[in-house]
Amino acid sequence: MVIIWLFIGLIPISLSVWALLDCAQRPPWAWSFAGRSQVAWLGAIAFGIFLLIFGMTISLWYLIRIRPHIAAVEAGDFRGLDPS
């Protein structure tokens, strides 16, 4: 039974750590071009590590919705960005 609870607890923490490390390794210029705040996302994900379900939600939102935009800008794809 302990192993099951440990597994259930490790999934959100692992997801949050992955999101935190991915967020931290993206260059600041990519965040600027995408119009996002790297510091705000780092803070939200780091705070979310302590709140399992909330942290998993933040991390999933980052990995599914924000990360693809930052990665696209980092790769040189500026389509879909607001020109202003």
N, C-alpha and C. Protein backbone atom coordinates (compact mmCIF):
# COMPACT_ATOMS: atom_id res chain seq x y z
N MET A 1 0.82 -1.20 0.00
CA MET A 1 0.00 0.00 0.00
C MET A 1 0.87 1.27 0.00
N VAL A 2 1.98 1.22 0.72
CA VAL A 2 2.88 2.37 0.78
C VAL A 2 3.46 2.66 -0.60
N ILE A 3 3.77 1.62 -1.32
CA ILE A 3 4.34 1.79 -2.66
C ILE A 3 3.36 2.49 -3.59
N ILE A 4 2.09 2.16 -3.47
CA ILE A 4 1.06 2.80 -4.31
C ILE A 4 0.98 4.29 -3.99
N TRP A 5 0.95 4.64 -2.71
CA TRP A 5 0.87 6.05 -2.31
C TRP A 5 2.14 6.79 -2.69
N LEU A 6 3.27 6.14 -2.60
CA LEU A 6 4.52 6.75 -3.00
C LEU A 6 4.50 7.04 -4.50
N PHE A 7 4.00 6.09 -5.27
CA PHE A 7 3.89 6.27 -6.72
C PHE A 7 2.95 7.41 -7.06
N ILE A 8 1.81 7.47 -6.38
CA ILE A 8 0.83 8.54 -6.61
C ILE A 8 1.43 9.90 -6.26
N GLY A 9 2.25 9.96 -5.23
CA GLY A 9 2.90 11.21 -4.85
C GLY A 9 4.05 11.60 -5.74
N LEU A 10 4.73 10.62 -6.30
CA LEU A 10 5.90 10.91 -7.14
C LEU A 10 5.52 11.39 -8.54
N ILE A 11 4.38 11.00 -9.03
CA ILE A 11 3.99 11.44 -10.38
C ILE A 11 3.87 12.96 -10.47
N PRO A 12 3.09 13.62 -9.59
CA PRO A 12 3.01 15.08 -9.68
C PRO A 12 4.34 15.78 -9.41
N ILE A 13 5.11 15.26 -8.47
CA ILE A 13 6.39 15.88 -8.17
C ILE A 13 7.35 15.74 -9.35
N SER A 14 7.39 14.57 -9.95
CA SER A 14 8.26 14.35 -11.12
C SER A 14 7.85 15.24 -12.28
N LEU A 15 6.56 15.36 -12.50
CA LEU A 15 6.06 16.22 -13.58
C LEU A 15 6.44 17.67 -13.33
N SER A 16 6.31 18.11 -12.08
CA SER A 16 6.67 19.49 -11.74
C SER A 16 8.16 19.75 -11.88
N VAL A 17 8.98 18.79 -11.47
CA VAL A 17 10.43 18.96 -11.60
C VAL A 17 10.82 19.00 -13.08
N TRP A 18 10.20 18.16 -13.90
CA TRP A 18 10.48 18.19 -15.34
C TRP A 18 10.11 19.56 -15.92
N ALA A 19 8.93 20.06 -15.58
CA ALA A 19 8.50 21.37 -16.08
C ALA A 19 9.43 22.47 -15.58
N LEU A 20 9.84 22.40 -14.33
CA LEU A 20 10.73 23.41 -13.76
C LEU A 20 12.08 23.42 -14.47
N LEU A 21 12.65 22.25 -14.69
CA LEU A 21 13.95 22.17 -15.37
C LEU A 21 13.84 22.63 -16.83
N ASP A 22 12.76 22.26 -17.49
CA ASP A 22 12.57 22.67 -18.88
C ASP A 22 12.41 24.19 -18.96
N CYS A 23 11.63 24.74 -18.05
CA CYS A 23 11.41 26.18 -18.02
C CYS A 23 12.72 26.93 -17.76
N ALA A 24 13.52 26.42 -16.86
CA ALA A 24 14.78 27.08 -16.51
C ALA A 24 15.81 27.04 -17.63
N GLN A 25 15.78 26.00 -18.46
CA GLN A 25 16.82 25.88 -19.49
C GLN A 25 16.50 26.63 -20.78
N ARG A 26 15.28 27.16 -20.90
CA ARG A 26 14.93 27.94 -22.09
C ARG A 26 15.57 29.32 -22.01
N PRO A 27 16.12 29.84 -23.12
CA PRO A 27 16.80 31.15 -23.07
C PRO A 27 15.82 32.30 -22.84
N PRO A 28 16.27 33.33 -22.11
CA PRO A 28 15.38 34.47 -21.82
C PRO A 28 14.87 35.17 -23.07
N TRP A 29 15.67 35.23 -24.13
CA TRP A 29 15.20 35.92 -25.33
C TRP A 29 14.00 35.21 -25.95
N ALA A 30 13.93 33.90 -25.85
CA ALA A 30 12.78 33.17 -26.40
C ALA A 30 11.52 33.51 -25.62
N TRP A 31 11.64 33.66 -24.32
CA TRP A 31 10.50 34.06 -23.50
C TRP A 31 10.03 35.46 -23.87
N SER A 32 10.99 36.37 -24.10
CA SER A 32 10.64 37.74 -24.46
C SER A 32 9.90 37.78 -25.79
N PHE A 33 10.43 37.07 -26.78
CA PHE A 33 9.77 37.04 -28.08
C PHE A 33 8.38 36.44 -28.00
N ALA A 34 8.20 35.46 -27.16
CA ALA A 34 6.89 34.81 -27.01
C ALA A 34 5.93 35.62 -26.15
N GLY A 35 6.43 36.67 -25.51
CA GLY A 35 5.58 37.51 -24.68
C GLY A 35 5.20 36.87 -23.36
N ARG A 36 6.05 36.02 -22.83
CA ARG A 36 5.79 35.33 -21.57
C ARG A 36 6.88 35.71 -20.56
N SER A 37 6.60 35.47 -19.30
CA SER A 37 7.55 35.77 -18.24
C SER A 37 8.14 34.47 -17.69
N GLN A 38 9.43 34.29 -17.92
CA GLN A 38 10.10 33.09 -17.44
C GLN A 38 10.11 33.05 -15.91
N VAL A 39 10.33 34.18 -15.28
CA VAL A 39 10.39 34.24 -13.82
C VAL A 39 9.05 33.86 -13.21
N ALA A 40 7.96 34.36 -13.81
CA ALA A 40 6.63 34.04 -13.29
C ALA A 40 6.33 32.55 -13.40
N TRP A 41 6.70 31.95 -14.53
CA TRP A 41 6.45 30.51 -14.70
C TRP A 41 7.35 29.69 -13.79
N LEU A 42 8.60 30.09 -13.63
CA LEU A 42 9.49 29.38 -12.71
C LEU A 42 8.93 29.43 -11.28
N GLY A 43 8.46 30.61 -10.87
CA GLY A 43 7.89 30.75 -9.53
C GLY A 43 6.63 29.93 -9.34
N ALA A 44 5.75 29.96 -10.33
CA ALA A 44 4.50 29.22 -10.23
C ALA A 44 4.75 27.71 -10.17
N ILE A 45 5.64 27.23 -11.00
CA ILE A 45 5.94 25.79 -11.00
C ILE A 45 6.64 25.39 -9.71
N ALA A 46 7.60 26.21 -9.25
CA ALA A 46 8.31 25.90 -8.00
C ALA A 46 7.35 25.89 -6.82
N PHE A 47 6.44 26.85 -6.77
CA PHE A 47 5.45 26.88 -5.70
C PHE A 47 4.52 25.68 -5.80
N GLY A 48 4.17 25.30 -7.01
CA GLY A 48 3.26 24.19 -7.23
C GLY A 48 3.82 22.83 -6.82
N ILE A 49 5.14 22.72 -6.72
CA ILE A 49 5.73 21.45 -6.29
C ILE A 49 5.22 21.07 -4.90
N PHE A 50 4.98 22.06 -4.05
CA PHE A 50 4.53 21.79 -2.69
C PHE A 50 3.04 21.46 -2.59
N LEU A 51 2.29 21.81 -3.62
CA LEU A 51 0.85 21.53 -3.65
C LEU A 51 0.59 20.56 -4.80
N LEU A 52 0.54 19.29 -4.49
CA LEU A 52 0.60 18.23 -5.51
C LEU A 52 -0.36 18.42 -6.67
N ILE A 53 -1.66 18.48 -6.40
CA ILE A 53 -2.64 18.57 -7.50
C ILE A 53 -2.54 19.92 -8.20
N PHE A 54 -2.42 21.00 -7.43
CA PHE A 54 -2.28 22.33 -8.02
C PHE A 54 -0.99 22.41 -8.84
N GLY A 55 0.08 21.85 -8.30
CA GLY A 55 1.35 21.86 -9.01
C GLY A 55 1.32 21.04 -10.29
N MET A 56 0.62 19.92 -10.24
CA MET A 56 0.49 19.10 -11.44
C MET A 56 -0.29 19.85 -12.52
N THR A 57 -1.31 20.58 -12.11
CA THR A 57 -2.11 21.36 -13.05
C THR A 57 -1.26 22.46 -13.70
N ILE A 58 -0.50 23.18 -12.90
CA ILE A 58 0.38 24.23 -13.43
C ILE A 58 1.41 23.63 -14.37
N SER A 59 2.01 22.54 -13.95
CA SER A 59 3.05 21.91 -14.77
C SER A 59 2.50 21.39 -16.09
N LEU A 60 1.34 20.77 -16.04
CA LEU A 60 0.72 20.29 -17.28
C LEU A 60 0.37 21.45 -18.20
N TRP A 61 -0.14 22.53 -17.62
CA TRP A 61 -0.48 23.71 -18.44
C TRP A 61 0.79 24.23 -19.12
N TYR A 62 1.87 24.33 -18.38
CA TYR A 62 3.13 24.78 -18.96
C TYR A 62 3.60 23.84 -20.07
N LEU A 63 3.62 22.54 -19.78
CA LEU A 63 4.16 21.58 -20.73
C LEU A 63 3.31 21.45 -21.99
N ILE A 64 2.00 21.63 -21.86
CA ILE A 64 1.11 21.44 -23.01
C ILE A 64 0.85 22.74 -23.77
N ARG A 65 0.70 23.85 -23.06
CA ARG A 65 0.30 25.10 -23.71
C ARG A 65 1.43 26.11 -23.91
N ILE A 66 2.32 26.24 -22.95
CA ILE A 66 3.35 27.29 -23.01
C ILE A 66 4.63 26.79 -23.66
N ARG A 67 5.09 25.63 -23.27
CA ARG A 67 6.35 25.07 -23.76
C ARG A 67 6.42 25.01 -25.29
N PRO A 68 5.36 24.56 -25.98
CA PRO A 68 5.47 24.52 -27.45
C PRO A 68 5.71 25.90 -28.09
N HIS A 69 5.14 26.96 -27.52
CA HIS A 69 5.36 28.30 -28.05
C HIS A 69 6.81 28.74 -27.85
N ILE A 70 7.32 28.49 -26.64
CA ILE A 70 8.70 28.89 -26.35
C ILE A 70 9.68 28.07 -27.20
N ALA A 71 9.42 26.79 -27.34
CA ALA A 71 10.30 25.93 -28.14
C ALA A 71 10.26 26.33 -29.61
N ALA A 72 9.09 26.72 -30.11
CA ALA A 72 8.97 27.16 -31.51
C ALA A 72 9.77 28.44 -31.74
N VAL A 73 9.67 29.39 -30.83
CA VAL A 73 10.43 30.63 -30.95
C VAL A 73 11.93 30.33 -30.88
N GLU A 74 12.30 29.46 -29.98
CA GLU A 74 13.71 29.08 -29.84
C GLU A 74 14.24 28.44 -31.11
N ALA A 75 13.38 27.72 -31.82
CA ALA A 75 13.78 27.06 -33.07
C ALA A 75 13.71 28.00 -34.27
N GLY A 76 13.21 29.24 -34.06
CA GLY A 76 13.16 30.21 -35.14
C GLY A 76 11.82 30.35 -35.81
N ASP A 77 10.79 29.73 -35.27
CA ASP A 77 9.44 29.80 -35.84
C ASP A 77 8.68 30.91 -35.12
N PHE A 78 8.54 32.06 -35.79
CA PHE A 78 7.86 33.19 -35.19
C PHE A 78 6.42 33.35 -35.66
N ARG A 79 5.91 32.33 -36.36
CA ARG A 79 4.51 32.39 -36.79
C ARG A 79 3.60 32.29 -35.58
N GLY A 80 2.51 32.98 -35.62
CA GLY A 80 1.54 32.91 -34.54
C GLY A 80 1.81 33.88 -33.40
N LEU A 81 2.89 34.63 -33.50
CA LEU A 81 3.17 35.61 -32.47
C LEU A 81 2.56 36.94 -32.85
N ASP A 82 2.16 37.71 -31.86
CA ASP A 82 1.58 39.02 -32.08
C ASP A 82 2.68 39.97 -32.57
N PRO A 83 2.50 40.61 -33.74
CA PRO A 83 3.56 41.45 -34.30
C PRO A 83 3.79 42.75 -33.53
N SER A 84 2.92 43.11 -32.61
CA SER A 84 3.08 44.40 -31.92
C SER A 84 4.04 44.35 -30.78
